[in-house]
Amino acid sequence: MRLRQVEIFQAILQTGSLSAAAELLCISQPAVSKTLMHAEQQLGFALFERVKGKLYPTPEAVLLQKEVGVLFDDLQRVKRLANGLRHKHGRPLQLEVTPALAQSLLPKVLTVWRKEFPDVQCSLATHHTAEIVQRLCLHEADLGLTMQRVNHPGIVLQPLASGYLSAIAQTGWWSSAELEQDLPVQALHGIPFVGLNRNDMLWSELSLLLDNHGISPQVLTTVQTYQLACDLVAQGHGLSVVDPFTANSQQNTGIQRRVIVPKIPVCLYAMHAIDSPLAFPAQKLIGLLRETVRSMGFVLVE
């Protein structure tokens, strides 16, 4: 099957009719019918049957569907890559960061960066790490920030700074003397707790640590972001554990923070596509990010 035939086959599978497939692909219905007919002639069997005005795939088409679906996904990625390359020049600096970093670090860093680059457009979007990697490889983004170590042949990963997973509590929960010491993980047992989605990488590591030590916090509320956990803790909903950059963000007033022990290291990474060197504004942004986390007391990673 040719690529155009694959597109039309997939569109008919998706819509169930020639007219809807034509509308989806922005072509005429006769063009869809003609291409489908040619595909069936070349294959030597029918791909669809008409039942009460709707097209249904034949048994042969069902068997083809899985392999054609893979080919179609590859074709869509090629189109996205071509589109990213076409619009790369003259587009804004495209930043892709995880939600926690967008809320804890980027506002302050971008404010300083904007003073040095008043005329450079910048676009900031939040995604999970896997999607950021994909968008970087397809040249739909220039620079990504994450707290997850990425092993991908198409990605250059640059560690910037490191810290440790931190427990947070409402101001006044711990004494001044306690705040000078790390928090034993055993202290979380039975405590009212704001938990995070179990799909979160750092929460998964914490859960493993808690399970290994037989510790069960009283998880009363579950949220999806570290920032929301901070907001609820500040309102007295219990303790939580968040990444160090969120815990030490200046915007999070009304909370106290202590590193938990055994310590769980957390690293901040910058990443970009291996075949797409960073432009000067993006390099400068990384430099400002390093200065910001150093001023927050984190150890820089060279």
C-alpha atoms as a PDB file:
ATOM      1  CA  MET A   1       0.000   0.000   0.000  1.00  0.00           C
ATOM      2  CA  ARG A   2       1.169   3.503  -0.798  1.00  0.00           C
ATOM      3  CA  LEU A   3       1.302   6.186   1.865  1.00  0.00           C
ATOM      4  CA  ARG A   4      -1.747   8.009   0.487  1.00  0.00           C
ATOM      5  CA  GLN A   5      -3.672   4.755   0.497  1.00  0.00           C
ATOM      6  CA  VAL A   6      -2.628   4.185   4.106  1.00  0.00           C
ATOM      7  CA  GLU A   7      -3.905   7.645   5.064  1.00  0.00           C
ATOM      8  CA  ILE A   8      -7.267   7.049   3.417  1.00  0.00           C
ATOM      9  CA  PHE A   9      -7.564   3.518   4.847  1.00  0.00           C
ATOM     10  CA  GLN A  10      -6.921   4.920   8.333  1.00  0.00           C
ATOM     11  CA  ALA A  11      -9.369   7.802   7.816  1.00  0.00           C
ATOM     12  CA  ILE A  12     -12.170   5.437   6.751  1.00  0.00           C
ATOM     13  CA  LEU A  13     -11.478   3.184   9.729  1.00  0.00           C
ATOM     14  CA  GLN A  14     -11.707   6.226  11.974  1.00  0.00           C
ATOM     15  CA  THR A  15     -14.846   7.775  10.479  1.00  0.00           C
ATOM     16  CA  GLY A  16     -16.772   4.862   9.000  1.00  0.00           C
ATOM     17  CA  SER A  17     -17.718   6.607   5.744  1.00  0.00           C
ATOM     18  CA  LEU A  18     -16.171   7.952   2.539  1.00  0.00           C
ATOM     19  CA  SER A  19     -17.645  11.416   2.965  1.00  0.00           C
ATOM     20  CA  ALA A  20     -16.416  11.790   6.558  1.00  0.00           C
ATOM     21  CA  ALA A  21     -12.975  10.495   5.573  1.00  0.00           C
ATOM     22  CA  ALA A  22     -12.841  13.038   2.744  1.00  0.00           C
ATOM     23  CA  GLU A  23     -13.774  15.830   5.154  1.00  0.00           C
ATOM     24  CA  LEU A  24     -11.137  14.686   7.640  1.00  0.00           C
ATOM     25  CA  LEU A  25      -8.422  14.716   4.958  1.00  0.00           C
ATOM     26  CA  CYS A  26      -9.713  17.904   3.268  1.00  0.00           C
ATOM     27  CA  ILE A  27     -10.102  16.211  -0.126  1.00  0.00           C
ATOM     28  CA  SER A  28     -13.081  15.299  -2.312  1.00  0.00           C
ATOM     29  CA  GLN A  29     -15.146  12.158  -1.802  1.00  0.00           C
ATOM     30  CA  PRO A  30     -14.467  10.947  -5.376  1.00  0.00           C
ATOM     31  CA  ALA A  31     -10.731  11.153  -4.625  1.00  0.00           C
ATOM     32  CA  VAL A  32     -11.221   8.971  -1.553  1.00  0.00           C
ATOM     33  CA  SER A  33     -13.307   6.444  -3.500  1.00  0.00           C
ATOM     34  CA  LYS A  34     -10.778   6.277  -6.331  1.00  0.00           C
ATOM     35  CA  THR A  35      -7.799   5.779  -4.007  1.00  0.00           C
ATOM     36  CA  LEU A  36      -9.642   3.086  -2.056  1.00  0.00           C
ATOM     37  CA  MET A  37     -10.558   1.267  -5.266  1.00  0.00           C
ATOM     38  CA  HIS A  38      -6.925   1.335  -6.454  1.00  0.00           C
ATOM     39  CA  ALA A  39      -5.724   0.028  -3.096  1.00  0.00           C
ATOM     40  CA  GLU A  40      -8.160  -2.880  -3.204  1.00  0.00           C
ATOM     41  CA  GLN A  41      -7.177  -3.683  -6.787  1.00  0.00           C
ATOM     42  CA  GLN A  42      -3.487  -3.776  -5.867  1.00  0.00           C
ATOM     43  CA  LEU A  43      -4.115  -5.876  -2.750  1.00  0.00           C
ATOM     44  CA  GLY A  44      -6.476  -8.271  -4.499  1.00  0.00           C
ATOM     45  CA  PHE A  45      -9.186  -8.180  -1.828  1.00  0.00           C
ATOM     46  CA  ALA A  46     -11.818  -5.795  -0.462  1.00  0.00           C
ATOM     47  CA  LEU A  47     -11.018  -3.636   2.551  1.00  0.00           C
ATOM     48  CA  PHE A  48     -14.547  -2.546   3.498  1.00  0.00           C
ATOM     49  CA  GLU A  49     -18.123  -3.774   3.290  1.00  0.00           C
ATOM     50  CA  ARG A  50     -21.109  -1.425   3.201  1.00  0.00           C
ATOM     51  CA  VAL A  51     -23.771  -2.281   5.801  1.00  0.00           C
ATOM     52  CA  LYS A  52     -26.788   0.021   6.115  1.00  0.00           C
ATOM     53  CA  GLY A  53     -24.897   2.930   4.637  1.00  0.00           C
ATOM     54  CA  LYS A  54     -21.791   2.535   6.789  1.00  0.00           C
ATOM     55  CA  LEU A  55     -18.432   1.017   5.904  1.00  0.00           C
ATOM     56  CA  TYR A  56     -17.075  -1.819   8.044  1.00  0.00           C
ATOM     57  CA  PRO A  57     -13.608  -3.350   7.659  1.00  0.00           C
ATOM     58  CA  THR A  58     -13.390  -6.832   6.171  1.00  0.00           C
ATOM     59  CA  PRO A  59     -11.560  -9.586   8.088  1.00  0.00           C
ATOM     60  CA  GLU A  60      -8.522  -8.957   5.871  1.00  0.00           C
ATOM     61  CA  ALA A  61      -8.609  -5.252   6.711  1.00  0.00           C
ATOM     62  CA  VAL A  62      -8.763  -6.024  10.426  1.00  0.00           C
ATOM     63  CA  LEU A  63      -5.578  -8.061  10.096  1.00  0.00           C
ATOM     64  CA  LEU A  64      -3.929  -5.211   8.208  1.00  0.00           C
ATOM     65  CA  GLN A  65      -5.094  -2.587  10.676  1.00  0.00           C
ATOM     66  CA  LYS A  66      -2.455  -3.229  13.354  1.00  0.00           C
ATOM     67  CA  GLU A  67       0.531  -2.977  11.001  1.00  0.00           C
ATOM     68  CA  VAL A  68      -0.976  -0.088   9.071  1.00  0.00           C
ATOM     69  CA  GLY A  69      -1.595   1.711  12.359  1.00  0.00           C
ATOM     70  CA  VAL A  70       2.116   1.544  13.196  1.00  0.00           C
ATOM     71  CA  LEU A  71       2.993   2.854   9.739  1.00  0.00           C
ATOM     72  CA  PHE A  72       0.424   5.635  10.080  1.00  0.00           C
ATOM     73  CA  ASP A  73       1.848   6.706  13.458  1.00  0.00           C
ATOM     74  CA  ASP A  74       5.319   6.841  11.892  1.00  0.00           C
ATOM     75  CA  LEU A  75       3.950   8.940   9.049  1.00  0.00           C
ATOM     76  CA  GLN A  76       2.356  11.354  11.512  1.00  0.00           C
ATOM     77  CA  ARG A  77       5.681  11.729  13.346  1.00  0.00           C
ATOM     78  CA  VAL A  78       7.403  12.530  10.040  1.00  0.00           C
ATOM     79  CA  LYS A  79       4.797  15.200   9.357  1.00  0.00           C
ATOM     80  CA  ARG A  80       5.250  16.686  12.826  1.00  0.00           C
ATOM     81  CA  LEU A  81       9.022  16.726  12.374  1.00  0.00           C
ATOM     82  CA  ALA A  82       8.734  18.436   8.997  1.00  0.00           C
ATOM     83  CA  ASN A  83       6.346  20.989  10.460  1.00  0.00           C
ATOM     84  CA  GLY A  84       8.689  21.631  13.378  1.00  0.00           C
ATOM     85  CA  LEU A  85      11.640  22.161  11.050  1.00  0.00           C
ATOM     86  CA  ARG A  86       9.596  24.424   8.765  1.00  0.00           C
ATOM     87  CA  HIS A  87       8.626  26.733  11.630  1.00  0.00           C
ATOM     88  CA  LYS A  88      11.887  26.502  13.569  1.00  0.00           C
ATOM     89  CA  HIS A  89      13.400  29.693  12.188  1.00  0.00           C
ATOM     90  CA  GLY A  90      11.768  32.843  13.424  1.00  0.00           C
ATOM     91  CA  ARG A  91       9.655  31.098  16.065  1.00  0.00           C
ATOM     92  CA  PRO A  92       9.790  31.936  19.797  1.00  0.00           C
ATOM     93  CA  LEU A  93      12.135  30.151  22.158  1.00  0.00           C
ATOM     94  CA  GLN A  94      10.150  27.009  22.926  1.00  0.00           C
ATOM     95  CA  LEU A  95      10.479  25.848  26.547  1.00  0.00           C
ATOM     96  CA  GLU A  96       8.980  22.578  27.731  1.00  0.00           C
ATOM     97  CA  VAL A  97       9.109  21.887  31.480  1.00  0.00           C
ATOM     98  CA  THR A  98       7.431  19.642  34.013  1.00  0.00           C
ATOM     99  CA  PRO A  99       4.614  21.298  36.015  1.00  0.00           C
ATOM    100  CA  ALA A 100       6.555  21.429  39.289  1.00  0.00           C
ATOM    101  CA  LEU A 101       9.478  23.315  37.738  1.00  0.00           C
ATOM    102  CA  ALA A 102       7.169  25.674  35.852  1.00  0.00           C
ATOM    103  CA  GLN A 103       5.682  26.814  39.140  1.00  0.00           C
ATOM    104  CA  SER A 104       8.713  26.750  41.423  1.00  0.00           C
ATOM    105  CA  LEU A 105      11.644  28.024  39.322  1.00  0.00           C
ATOM    106  CA  LEU A 106      10.638  29.411  35.942  1.00  0.00           C
ATOM    107  CA  PRO A 107       8.769  32.601  36.933  1.00  0.00           C
ATOM    108  CA  LYS A 108      11.791  34.057  38.721  1.00  0.00           C
ATOM    109  CA  VAL A 109      14.286  32.893  36.097  1.00  0.00           C
ATOM    110  CA  LEU A 110      12.240  34.172  33.172  1.00  0.00           C
ATOM    111  CA  THR A 111      11.856  37.564  34.847  1.00  0.00           C
ATOM    112  CA  VAL A 112      15.641  38.004  34.950  1.00  0.00           C
ATOM    113  CA  TRP A 113      16.040  36.501  31.452  1.00  0.00           C
ATOM    114  CA  ARG A 114      13.473  38.911  30.000  1.00  0.00           C
ATOM    115  CA  LYS A 115      15.551  41.915  31.119  1.00  0.00           C
ATOM    116  CA  GLU A 116      18.456  40.645  28.970  1.00  0.00           C
ATOM    117  CA  PHE A 117      16.283  39.605  26.018  1.00  0.00           C
ATOM    118  CA  PRO A 118      13.423  42.134  25.912  1.00  0.00           C
ATOM    119  CA  ASP A 119      12.581  41.458  22.259  1.00  0.00           C
ATOM    120  CA  VAL A 120      12.945  37.664  22.083  1.00  0.00           C
ATOM    121  CA  GLN A 121       9.633  35.827  22.083  1.00  0.00           C
ATOM    122  CA  CYS A 122       9.341  32.913  24.472  1.00  0.00           C
ATOM    123  CA  SER A 123       6.771  30.142  24.714  1.00  0.00           C
ATOM    124  CA  LEU A 124       6.492  28.087  27.922  1.00  0.00           C
ATOM    125  CA  ALA A 125       4.501  24.845  28.052  1.00  0.00           C
ATOM    126  CA  THR A 126       4.193  22.146  30.694  1.00  0.00           C
ATOM    127  CA  HIS A 127       4.257  18.441  29.910  1.00  0.00           C
ATOM    128  CA  HIS A 128       5.383  15.205  31.485  1.00  0.00           C
ATOM    129  CA  THR A 129       8.968  14.180  30.750  1.00  0.00           C
ATOM    130  CA  ALA A 130       8.164  11.545  28.094  1.00  0.00           C
ATOM    131  CA  GLU A 131       6.200  14.051  26.030  1.00  0.00           C
ATOM    132  CA  ILE A 132       8.928  16.694  26.407  1.00  0.00           C
ATOM    133  CA  VAL A 133      11.473  14.210  25.022  1.00  0.00           C
ATOM    134  CA  GLN A 134       9.247  13.464  22.046  1.00  0.00           C
ATOM    135  CA  ARG A 135       8.668  17.144  21.295  1.00  0.00           C
ATOM    136  CA  LEU A 136      12.405  17.877  21.500  1.00  0.00           C
ATOM    137  CA  CYS A 137      13.200  15.038  19.088  1.00  0.00           C
ATOM    138  CA  LEU A 138      10.565  16.317  16.659  1.00  0.00           C
ATOM    139  CA  HIS A 139      11.979  19.860  16.900  1.00  0.00           C
ATOM    140  CA  GLU A 140       8.711  21.155  18.316  1.00  0.00           C
ATOM    141  CA  ALA A 141      10.620  22.466  21.336  1.00  0.00           C
ATOM    142  CA  ASP A 142      14.114  23.844  21.937  1.00  0.00           C
ATOM    143  CA  LEU A 143      14.841  23.315  25.616  1.00  0.00           C
ATOM    144  CA  GLY A 144      13.357  20.978  28.217  1.00  0.00           C
ATOM    145  CA  LEU A 145      13.639  20.900  32.005  1.00  0.00           C
ATOM    146  CA  THR A 146      12.922  17.862  34.135  1.00  0.00           C
ATOM    147  CA  MET A 147      13.779  16.125  37.399  1.00  0.00           C
ATOM    148  CA  GLN A 148      13.848  12.713  35.743  1.00  0.00           C
ATOM    149  CA  ARG A 149      17.011  11.146  34.339  1.00  0.00           C
ATOM    150  CA  VAL A 150      16.438  10.497  30.635  1.00  0.00           C
ATOM    151  CA  ASN A 151      18.273   7.869  28.610  1.00  0.00           C
ATOM    152  CA  HIS A 152      17.495   8.567  24.967  1.00  0.00           C
ATOM    153  CA  PRO A 153      19.929   8.456  22.015  1.00  0.00           C
ATOM    154  CA  GLY A 154      18.450  11.628  20.543  1.00  0.00           C
ATOM    155  CA  ILE A 155      18.668  13.726  23.722  1.00  0.00           C
ATOM    156  CA  VAL A 156      21.556  15.616  25.348  1.00  0.00           C
ATOM    157  CA  LEU A 157      20.980  15.603  29.118  1.00  0.00           C
ATOM    158  CA  GLN A 158      22.741  18.239  31.217  1.00  0.00           C
ATOM    159  CA  PRO A 159      22.551  17.970  35.036  1.00  0.00           C
ATOM    160  CA  LEU A 160      22.326  21.403  36.643  1.00  0.00           C
ATOM    161  CA  ALA A 161      21.786  21.077  40.388  1.00  0.00           C
ATOM    162  CA  SER A 162      20.848  18.535  43.022  1.00  0.00           C
ATOM    163  CA  GLY A 163      18.943  18.419  46.282  1.00  0.00           C
ATOM    164  CA  TYR A 164      16.922  15.966  48.351  1.00  0.00           C
ATOM    165  CA  LEU A 165      13.265  15.077  48.681  1.00  0.00           C
ATOM    166  CA  SER A 166      11.821  17.227  51.469  1.00  0.00           C
ATOM    167  CA  ALA A 167       9.000  16.933  53.954  1.00  0.00           C
ATOM    168  CA  ILE A 168       6.834  20.030  54.382  1.00  0.00           C
ATOM    169  CA  ALA A 169       4.516  21.079  57.201  1.00  0.00           C
ATOM    170  CA  GLN A 170       2.450  24.090  58.163  1.00  0.00           C
ATOM    171  CA  THR A 171       4.477  26.833  59.879  1.00  0.00           C
ATOM    172  CA  GLY A 172       4.750  26.072  63.599  1.00  0.00           C
ATOM    173  CA  TRP A 173       4.571  22.287  63.243  1.00  0.00           C
ATOM    174  CA  TRP A 174       8.285  21.842  64.021  1.00  0.00           C
ATOM    175  CA  SER A 175      10.365  23.719  66.594  1.00  0.00           C
ATOM    176  CA  SER A 176      13.435  25.761  65.661  1.00  0.00           C
ATOM    177  CA  ALA A 177      15.666  22.988  67.000  1.00  0.00           C
ATOM    178  CA  GLU A 178      13.865  20.362  64.909  1.00  0.00           C
ATOM    179  CA  LEU A 179      14.193  22.471  61.761  1.00  0.00           C
ATOM    180  CA  GLU A 180      17.976  22.306  62.087  1.00  0.00           C
ATOM    181  CA  GLN A 181      17.893  18.519  61.715  1.00  0.00           C
ATOM    182  CA  ASP A 182      16.782  16.172  58.951  1.00  0.00           C
ATOM    183  CA  LEU A 183      13.487  14.338  59.437  1.00  0.00           C
ATOM    184  CA  PRO A 184      13.643  10.558  59.998  1.00  0.00           C
ATOM    185  CA  VAL A 185      11.181   8.918  57.635  1.00  0.00           C
ATOM    186  CA  GLN A 186       9.712   7.049  60.611  1.00  0.00           C
ATOM    187  CA  ALA A 187       8.242  10.368  61.794  1.00  0.00           C
ATOM    188  CA  LEU A 188       5.722  10.204  58.938  1.00  0.00           C
ATOM    189  CA  HIS A 189       4.013   7.089  60.324  1.00  0.00           C
ATOM    190  CA  GLY A 190       0.347   7.724  61.114  1.00  0.00           C
ATOM    191  CA  ILE A 191       0.622  11.447  60.366  1.00  0.00           C
ATOM    192  CA  PRO A 192      -2.178  13.186  58.378  1.00  0.00           C
ATOM    193  CA  PHE A 193      -0.694  13.396  54.912  1.00  0.00           C
ATOM    194  CA  VAL A 194      -1.240  14.954  51.481  1.00  0.00           C
ATOM    195  CA  GLY A 195      -0.163  12.362  48.939  1.00  0.00           C
ATOM    196  CA  LEU A 196       0.644  12.594  45.250  1.00  0.00           C
ATOM    197  CA  ASN A 197      -0.448  10.586  42.247  1.00  0.00           C
ATOM    198  CA  ARG A 198       1.344   7.223  42.262  1.00  0.00           C
ATOM    199  CA  ASN A 199       2.382   7.753  38.648  1.00  0.00           C
ATOM    200  CA  ASP A 200       4.773  10.453  39.855  1.00  0.00           C
ATOM    201  CA  MET A 201       8.382   9.235  39.780  1.00  0.00           C
ATOM    202  CA  LEU A 202       9.485  10.833  43.067  1.00  0.00           C
ATOM    203  CA  TRP A 203       6.349   9.721  44.869  1.00  0.00           C
ATOM    204  CA  SER A 204       7.031   6.182  43.656  1.00  0.00           C
ATOM    205  CA  GLU A 205      10.518   6.329  45.190  1.00  0.00           C
ATOM    206  CA  LEU A 206       9.086   7.652  48.453  1.00  0.00           C
ATOM    207  CA  SER A 207       6.405   4.950  48.493  1.00  0.00           C
ATOM    208  CA  LEU A 208       9.089   2.285  48.084  1.00  0.00           C
ATOM    209  CA  LEU A 209      11.065   3.786  50.979  1.00  0.00           C
ATOM    210  CA  LEU A 210       7.964   3.888  53.182  1.00  0.00           C
ATOM    211  CA  ASP A 211       7.044   0.303  52.314  1.00  0.00           C
ATOM    212  CA  ASN A 212      10.577  -0.925  53.054  1.00  0.00           C
ATOM    213  CA  HIS A 213      10.429   0.655  56.503  1.00  0.00           C
ATOM    214  CA  GLY A 214       6.848  -0.390  57.249  1.00  0.00           C
ATOM    215  CA  ILE A 215       5.686   3.224  57.458  1.00  0.00           C
ATOM    216  CA  SER A 216       2.113   4.240  56.635  1.00  0.00           C
ATOM    217  CA  PRO A 217       1.201   7.938  56.687  1.00  0.00           C
ATOM    218  CA  GLN A 218      -2.511   8.702  57.019  1.00  0.00           C
ATOM    219  CA  VAL A 219      -3.104   9.820  53.423  1.00  0.00           C
ATOM    220  CA  LEU A 220      -6.308  11.851  53.581  1.00  0.00           C
ATOM    221  CA  THR A 221      -5.918  13.855  50.372  1.00  0.00           C
ATOM    222  CA  THR A 222      -4.276  12.994  47.058  1.00  0.00           C
ATOM    223  CA  VAL A 223      -3.241  15.637  44.515  1.00  0.00           C
ATOM    224  CA  GLN A 224      -1.481  15.718  41.146  1.00  0.00           C
ATOM    225  CA  THR A 225       1.041  18.539  41.625  1.00  0.00           C
ATOM    226  CA  TYR A 226       3.641  19.430  44.221  1.00  0.00           C
ATOM    227  CA  GLN A 227       2.453  23.026  44.292  1.00  0.00           C
ATOM    228  CA  LEU A 228      -1.079  22.004  45.239  1.00  0.00           C
ATOM    229  CA  ALA A 229       0.398  19.814  47.971  1.00  0.00           C
ATOM    230  CA  CYS A 230       2.228  22.887  49.320  1.00  0.00           C
ATOM    231  CA  ASP A 231      -0.928  24.980  49.226  1.00  0.00           C
ATOM    232  CA  LEU A 232      -2.924  22.382  51.156  1.00  0.00           C
ATOM    233  CA  VAL A 233      -0.169  21.840  53.710  1.00  0.00           C
ATOM    234  CA  ALA A 234      -0.029  25.616  54.326  1.00  0.00           C
ATOM    235  CA  GLN A 235      -3.773  25.450  55.063  1.00  0.00           C
ATOM    236  CA  GLY A 236      -3.307  22.734  57.689  1.00  0.00           C
ATOM    237  CA  HIS A 237      -4.207  19.585  55.725  1.00  0.00           C
ATOM    238  CA  GLY A 238      -1.246  17.646  57.134  1.00  0.00           C
ATOM    239  CA  LEU A 239       2.305  16.946  56.013  1.00  0.00           C
ATOM    240  CA  SER A 240       3.555  16.089  52.541  1.00  0.00           C
ATOM    241  CA  VAL A 241       6.777  15.306  50.700  1.00  0.00           C
ATOM    242  CA  VAL A 242       7.760  17.302  47.617  1.00  0.00           C
ATOM    243  CA  ASP A 243      10.763  17.954  45.410  1.00  0.00           C
ATOM    244  CA  PRO A 244      13.388  20.306  46.919  1.00  0.00           C
ATOM    245  CA  PHE A 245      12.866  23.068  44.348  1.00  0.00           C
ATOM    246  CA  THR A 246       9.176  23.353  45.164  1.00  0.00           C
ATOM    247  CA  ALA A 247       9.856  23.093  48.906  1.00  0.00           C
ATOM    248  CA  ASN A 248      12.351  25.979  48.778  1.00  0.00           C
ATOM    249  CA  SER A 249      10.422  28.212  46.390  1.00  0.00           C
ATOM    250  CA  GLN A 250       9.983  31.735  47.779  1.00  0.00           C
ATOM    251  CA  GLN A 251       6.327  31.727  46.775  1.00  0.00           C
ATOM    252  CA  ASN A 252       5.547  28.930  49.215  1.00  0.00           C
ATOM    253  CA  THR A 253       4.980  30.884  52.418  1.00  0.00           C
ATOM    254  CA  GLY A 254       3.322  29.359  55.429  1.00  0.00           C
ATOM    255  CA  ILE A 255       5.274  26.092  55.293  1.00  0.00           C
ATOM    256  CA  GLN A 256       8.327  24.596  56.954  1.00  0.00           C
ATOM    257  CA  ARG A 257      10.645  22.128  55.261  1.00  0.00           C
ATOM    258  CA  ARG A 258      13.034  19.362  56.329  1.00  0.00           C
ATOM    259  CA  VAL A 259      15.029  16.875  54.258  1.00  0.00           C
ATOM    260  CA  ILE A 260      13.879  13.325  54.954  1.00  0.00           C
ATOM    261  CA  VAL A 261      16.336  10.574  55.823  1.00  0.00           C
ATOM    262  CA  PRO A 262      17.280   8.180  54.352  1.00  0.00           C
ATOM    263  CA  LYS A 263      17.875  10.850  51.736  1.00  0.00           C
ATOM    264  CA  ILE A 264      16.391  10.566  48.245  1.00  0.00           C
ATOM    265  CA  PRO A 265      18.449  12.660  45.791  1.00  0.00           C
ATOM    266  CA  VAL A 266      16.659  14.800  43.219  1.00  0.00           C
ATOM    267  CA  CYS A 267      18.496  16.329  40.262  1.00  0.00           C
ATOM    268  CA  LEU A 268      17.463  19.147  37.957  1.00  0.00           C
ATOM    269  CA  TYR A 269      18.232  18.469  34.283  1.00  0.00           C
ATOM    270  CA  ALA A 270      18.205  20.543  31.109  1.00  0.00           C
ATOM    271  CA  MET A 271      17.837  18.680  27.829  1.00  0.00           C
ATOM    272  CA  HIS A 272      17.759  19.352  24.117  1.00  0.00           C
ATOM    273  CA  ALA A 273      17.855  17.390  20.862  1.00  0.00           C
ATOM    274  CA  ILE A 274      21.307  16.065  19.994  1.00  0.00           C
ATOM    275  CA  ASP A 275      21.038  17.415  16.453  1.00  0.00           C
ATOM    276  CA  SER A 276      19.813  20.851  17.533  1.00  0.00           C
ATOM    277  CA  PRO A 277      22.418  22.909  19.465  1.00  0.00           C
ATOM    278  CA  LEU A 278      20.972  25.512  21.789  1.00  0.00           C
ATOM    279  CA  ALA A 279      20.811  29.119  20.643  1.00  0.00           C
ATOM    280  CA  PHE A 280      22.390  31.809  22.826  1.00  0.00           C
ATOM    281  CA  PRO A 281      19.105  32.879  24.533  1.00  0.00           C
ATOM    282  CA  ALA A 282      18.507  29.274  25.601  1.00  0.00           C
ATOM    283  CA  GLN A 283      22.082  28.909  26.846  1.00  0.00           C
ATOM    284  CA  LYS A 284      21.689  32.110  28.829  1.00  0.00           C
ATOM    285  CA  LEU A 285      18.469  30.797  30.358  1.00  0.00           C
ATOM    286  CA  ILE A 286      20.313  27.703  31.598  1.00  0.00           C
ATOM    287  CA  GLY A 287      23.004  29.927  33.113  1.00  0.00           C
ATOM    288  CA  LEU A 288      20.398  32.020  34.930  1.00  0.00           C
ATOM    289  CA  LEU A 289      18.685  28.856  36.136  1.00  0.00           C
ATOM    290  CA  ARG A 290      21.952  27.646  37.649  1.00  0.00           C
ATOM    291  CA  GLU A 291      22.476  30.997  39.371  1.00  0.00           C
ATOM    292  CA  THR A 292      18.942  30.879  40.767  1.00  0.00           C
ATOM    293  CA  VAL A 293      19.207  27.387  42.262  1.00  0.00           C
ATOM    294  CA  ARG A 294      22.648  28.216  43.674  1.00  0.00           C
ATOM    295  CA  SER A 295      21.136  31.244  45.419  1.00  0.00           C
ATOM    296  CA  MET A 296      18.505  28.880  46.881  1.00  0.00           C
ATOM    297  CA  GLY A 297      21.285  26.826  48.472  1.00  0.00           C
ATOM    298  CA  PHE A 298      21.424  23.890  46.068  1.00  0.00           C
ATOM    299  CA  VAL A 299      24.614  22.164  44.969  1.00  0.00           C
ATOM    300  CA  LEU A 300      25.472  22.808  41.326  1.00  0.00           C
ATOM    301  CA  VAL A 301      26.424  19.831  39.182  1.00  0.00           C
ATOM    302  CA  GLU A 302      29.241  20.515  36.752  1.00  0.00           C
END
